[in-house]
C-alpha atoms as a PDB file:
ATOM      1  CA  GLN A   1      39.700 -42.165 -75.245  1.00  0.00           C
ATOM      2  CA  VAL A   2      39.562 -38.426 -74.453  1.00  0.00           C
ATOM      3  CA  GLN A   3      39.540 -35.790 -76.750  1.00  0.00           C
ATOM      4  CA  LEU A   4      39.421 -32.175 -76.910  1.00  0.00           C
ATOM      5  CA  VAL A   5      39.159 -30.629 -80.336  1.00  0.00           C
ATOM      6  CA  GLU A   6      38.778 -26.893 -80.672  1.00  0.00           C
ATOM      7  CA  SER A   7      37.079 -25.684 -83.982  1.00  0.00           C
ATOM      8  CA  GLY A   8      36.110 -22.410 -84.826  1.00  0.00           C
ATOM      9  CA  GLY A   9      39.864 -20.529 -85.779  1.00  0.00           C
ATOM     10  CA  GLY A  10      40.016 -17.975 -88.832  1.00  0.00           C
ATOM     11  CA  LEU A  11      41.155 -15.074 -90.610  1.00  0.00           C
ATOM     12  CA  VAL A  12      39.840 -12.200 -89.663  1.00  0.00           C
ATOM     13  CA  GLN A  13      40.221  -7.553 -89.298  1.00  0.00           C
ATOM     14  CA  ALA A  14      41.553  -6.156 -86.945  1.00  0.00           C
ATOM     15  CA  GLY A  15      38.831  -5.578 -84.548  1.00  0.00           C
ATOM     16  CA  GLY A  16      36.783  -8.229 -85.452  1.00  0.00           C
ATOM     17  CA  SER A  17      35.165 -11.139 -83.619  1.00  0.00           C
ATOM     18  CA  LEU A  18      35.495 -14.897 -83.580  1.00  0.00           C
ATOM     19  CA  ARG A  19      34.463 -17.503 -80.932  1.00  0.00           C
ATOM     20  CA  LEU A  20      36.370 -20.333 -80.460  1.00  0.00           C
ATOM     21  CA  SER A  21      34.925 -23.825 -78.800  1.00  0.00           C
ATOM     22  CA  CYS A  22      36.308 -27.083 -77.344  1.00  0.00           C
ATOM     23  CA  ALA A  23      33.887 -30.137 -76.907  1.00  0.00           C
ATOM     24  CA  ALA A  24      36.073 -32.263 -74.276  1.00  0.00           C
ATOM     25  CA  SER A  25      34.692 -36.066 -74.832  1.00  0.00           C
ATOM     26  CA  GLY A  26      36.285 -39.839 -73.552  1.00  0.00           C
ATOM     27  CA  ARG A  27      35.656 -38.577 -69.432  1.00  0.00           C
ATOM     28  CA  THR A  28      33.439 -36.537 -67.366  1.00  0.00           C
ATOM     29  CA  PHE A  29      35.196 -32.957 -67.522  1.00  0.00           C
ATOM     30  CA  SER A  30      32.824 -31.964 -63.807  1.00  0.00           C
ATOM     31  CA  SER A  31      36.275 -32.227 -61.463  1.00  0.00           C
ATOM     32  CA  TYR A  32      38.701 -30.784 -64.191  1.00  0.00           C
ATOM     33  CA  ALA A  33      39.663 -27.292 -65.091  1.00  0.00           C
ATOM     34  CA  MET A  34      39.596 -25.875 -68.768  1.00  0.00           C
ATOM     35  CA  GLY A  35      41.431 -23.378 -70.175  1.00  0.00           C
ATOM     36  CA  TRP A  36      42.719 -21.634 -73.352  1.00  0.00           C
ATOM     37  CA  PHE A  37      46.368 -21.174 -74.541  1.00  0.00           C
ATOM     38  CA  ARG A  38      47.894 -19.701 -77.322  1.00  0.00           C
ATOM     39  CA  GLN A  39      51.122 -19.975 -79.165  1.00  0.00           C
ATOM     40  CA  ALA A  40      52.137 -17.407 -81.975  1.00  0.00           C
ATOM     41  CA  PRO A  41      54.064 -18.229 -84.352  1.00  0.00           C
ATOM     42  CA  GLY A  42      57.963 -18.230 -82.630  1.00  0.00           C
ATOM     43  CA  LYS A  43      57.197 -17.908 -79.569  1.00  0.00           C
ATOM     44  CA  GLU A  44      56.883 -20.000 -76.372  1.00  0.00           C
ATOM     45  CA  ARG A  45      52.724 -21.153 -75.482  1.00  0.00           C
ATOM     46  CA  GLU A  46      50.980 -18.646 -73.061  1.00  0.00           C
ATOM     47  CA  PHE A  47      48.166 -18.841 -71.036  1.00  0.00           C
ATOM     48  CA  VAL A  48      44.945 -17.011 -72.298  1.00  0.00           C
ATOM     49  CA  ALA A  49      42.098 -17.616 -70.052  1.00  0.00           C
ATOM     50  CA  ALA A  50      40.664 -20.457 -67.535  1.00  0.00           C
ATOM     51  CA  PHE A  51      37.469 -21.805 -66.292  1.00  0.00           C
ATOM     52  CA  GLY A  52      38.665 -23.062 -62.116  1.00  0.00           C
ATOM     53  CA  TRP A  53      37.373 -26.851 -61.463  1.00  0.00           C
ATOM     54  CA  SER A  54      34.332 -25.611 -59.458  1.00  0.00           C
ATOM     55  CA  GLY A  55      33.137 -24.382 -62.359  1.00  0.00           C
ATOM     56  CA  SER A  56      32.648 -20.729 -60.711  1.00  0.00           C
ATOM     57  CA  SER A  57      35.805 -19.076 -61.490  1.00  0.00           C
ATOM     58  CA  THR A  58      37.807 -17.932 -63.471  1.00  0.00           C
ATOM     59  CA  TYR A  59      41.337 -16.067 -65.612  1.00  0.00           C
ATOM     60  CA  TYR A  60      42.261 -13.886 -67.962  1.00  0.00           C
ATOM     61  CA  THR A  61      45.519 -13.350 -69.065  1.00  0.00           C
ATOM     62  CA  ASP A  62      46.281  -9.364 -68.949  1.00  0.00           C
ATOM     63  CA  SER A  63      46.578  -8.658 -72.568  1.00  0.00           C
ATOM     64  CA  VAL A  64      42.915 -10.717 -73.222  1.00  0.00           C
ATOM     65  CA  LYS A  65      41.271  -8.721 -70.541  1.00  0.00           C
ATOM     66  CA  GLY A  66      38.082  -6.939 -71.219  1.00  0.00           C
ATOM     67  CA  ARG A  67      37.904  -8.241 -74.368  1.00  0.00           C
ATOM     68  CA  PHE A  68      37.987 -11.949 -73.952  1.00  0.00           C
ATOM     69  CA  THR A  69      35.370 -13.909 -72.189  1.00  0.00           C
ATOM     70  CA  ILE A  70      35.360 -17.438 -71.241  1.00  0.00           C
ATOM     71  CA  SER A  71      32.038 -19.867 -70.445  1.00  0.00           C
ATOM     72  CA  ARG A  72      31.744 -23.961 -70.298  1.00  0.00           C
ATOM     73  CA  ASP A  73      28.979 -26.414 -70.558  1.00  0.00           C
ATOM     74  CA  ASN A  74      29.191 -28.869 -68.423  1.00  0.00           C
ATOM     75  CA  ALA A  75      26.552 -31.761 -70.727  1.00  0.00           C
ATOM     76  CA  PRO A  76      27.946 -31.876 -72.252  1.00  0.00           C
ATOM     77  CA  SER A  77      31.373 -30.645 -72.136  1.00  0.00           C
ATOM     78  CA  ALA A  78      32.843 -28.306 -73.702  1.00  0.00           C
ATOM     79  CA  VAL A  79      34.289 -24.555 -73.557  1.00  0.00           C
ATOM     80  CA  HIS A  80      33.696 -21.529 -75.376  1.00  0.00           C
ATOM     81  CA  LEU A  81      36.371 -18.483 -75.772  1.00  0.00           C
ATOM     82  CA  GLN A  82      34.484 -15.327 -77.225  1.00  0.00           C
ATOM     83  CA  MET A  83      37.525 -12.923 -78.441  1.00  0.00           C
ATOM     84  CA  ASN A  84      36.506  -9.243 -79.373  1.00  0.00           C
ATOM     85  CA  SER A  85      38.178  -6.744 -80.305  1.00  0.00           C
ATOM     86  CA  LEU A  86      40.780  -8.569 -82.099  1.00  0.00           C
ATOM     87  CA  LYS A  87      44.651  -7.316 -82.391  1.00  0.00           C
ATOM     88  CA  PRO A  88      47.217  -8.669 -85.061  1.00  0.00           C
ATOM     89  CA  GLU A  89      49.062  -9.869 -81.812  1.00  0.00           C
ATOM     90  CA  ASP A  90      46.677 -12.663 -80.726  1.00  0.00           C
ATOM     91  CA  THR A  91      47.366 -14.048 -84.007  1.00  0.00           C
ATOM     92  CA  ALA A  92      48.698 -17.706 -83.142  1.00  0.00           C
ATOM     93  CA  VAL A  93      47.103 -21.080 -82.942  1.00  0.00           C
ATOM     94  CA  TYR A  94      44.742 -21.760 -80.151  1.00  0.00           C
ATOM     95  CA  TYR A  95      45.240 -24.443 -77.314  1.00  0.00           C
ATOM     96  CA  CYS A  96      42.231 -26.168 -75.577  1.00  0.00           C
ATOM     97  CA  ALA A  97      43.161 -27.266 -72.252  1.00  0.00           C
ATOM     98  CA  ALA A  98      42.458 -29.527 -68.699  1.00  0.00           C
ATOM     99  CA  ARG A  99      43.749 -30.009 -65.789  1.00  0.00           C
ATOM    100  CA  ARG A 100      42.308 -32.061 -63.014  1.00  0.00           C
ATOM    101  CA  LEU A 101      41.296 -30.106 -59.510  1.00  0.00           C
ATOM    102  CA  THR A 102      42.849 -27.055 -60.090  1.00  0.00           C
ATOM    103  CA  THR A 103      41.723 -23.286 -59.555  1.00  0.00           C
ATOM    104  CA  ALA A 104      41.616 -20.853 -62.356  1.00  0.00           C
ATOM    105  CA  GLN A 105      44.696 -18.617 -61.297  1.00  0.00           C
ATOM    106  CA  ALA A 106      46.904 -22.327 -60.921  1.00  0.00           C
ATOM    107  CA  MET A 107      46.226 -22.523 -64.911  1.00  0.00           C
ATOM    108  CA  GLY A 108      47.977 -19.246 -65.550  1.00  0.00           C
ATOM    109  CA  VAL A 109      50.940 -21.286 -63.973  1.00  0.00           C
ATOM    110  CA  MET A 110      50.601 -24.619 -64.935  1.00  0.00           C
ATOM    111  CA  LYS A 111      52.575 -25.760 -67.712  1.00  0.00           C
ATOM    112  CA  ASP A 112      51.780 -30.071 -67.432  1.00  0.00           C
ATOM    113  CA  MET A 113      47.684 -30.416 -68.532  1.00  0.00           C
ATOM    114  CA  ASP A 114      46.505 -33.546 -67.822  1.00  0.00           C
ATOM    115  CA  TYR A 115      44.829 -33.024 -71.500  1.00  0.00           C
ATOM    116  CA  TRP A 116      45.823 -31.025 -75.140  1.00  0.00           C
ATOM    117  CA  GLY A 117      43.677 -30.244 -77.997  1.00  0.00           C
ATOM    118  CA  LYS A 118      45.349 -30.577 -81.103  1.00  0.00           C
ATOM    119  CA  GLY A 119      44.716 -26.651 -81.365  1.00  0.00           C
ATOM    120  CA  THR A 120      42.623 -23.944 -84.131  1.00  0.00           C
ATOM    121  CA  LEU A 121      44.476 -21.536 -86.101  1.00  0.00           C
ATOM    122  CA  VAL A 122      43.319 -17.541 -85.590  1.00  0.00           C
ATOM    123  CA  THR A 123      45.379 -15.090 -87.685  1.00  0.00           C
ATOM    124  CA  VAL A 124      44.224 -11.296 -87.803  1.00  0.00           C
ATOM    125  CA  SER A 125      45.028  -9.071 -90.126  1.00  0.00           C
ATOM    126  CA  SER A 126      45.407  -5.723 -89.740  1.00  0.00           C
END
């Protein structure tokens, strides 16, 4: 059974940091792009950051560039999101996702992922 399990969410003050992790299991993810999306209350889910399937390219939404860093482990498969200088507008449920043979940039526009995690809540207080 394929699973993406997020961890690391929580409550943090503005300006603080959190590190999210996503553990992937149930299959080999070496040919999958992996990334992070988020959904704030009352808003649609949006792209945050991703690694392309080749493992060498990354892509970020403009609002997190310079503050968030995505990294990836291949054995075991995992993807992490280091979030620094957090702002109240970063408050959301953060989801891990994977899509086969997709570039990092394409993850920024695709809506249909092959796999989704159940999400982890990040709350940034002002």
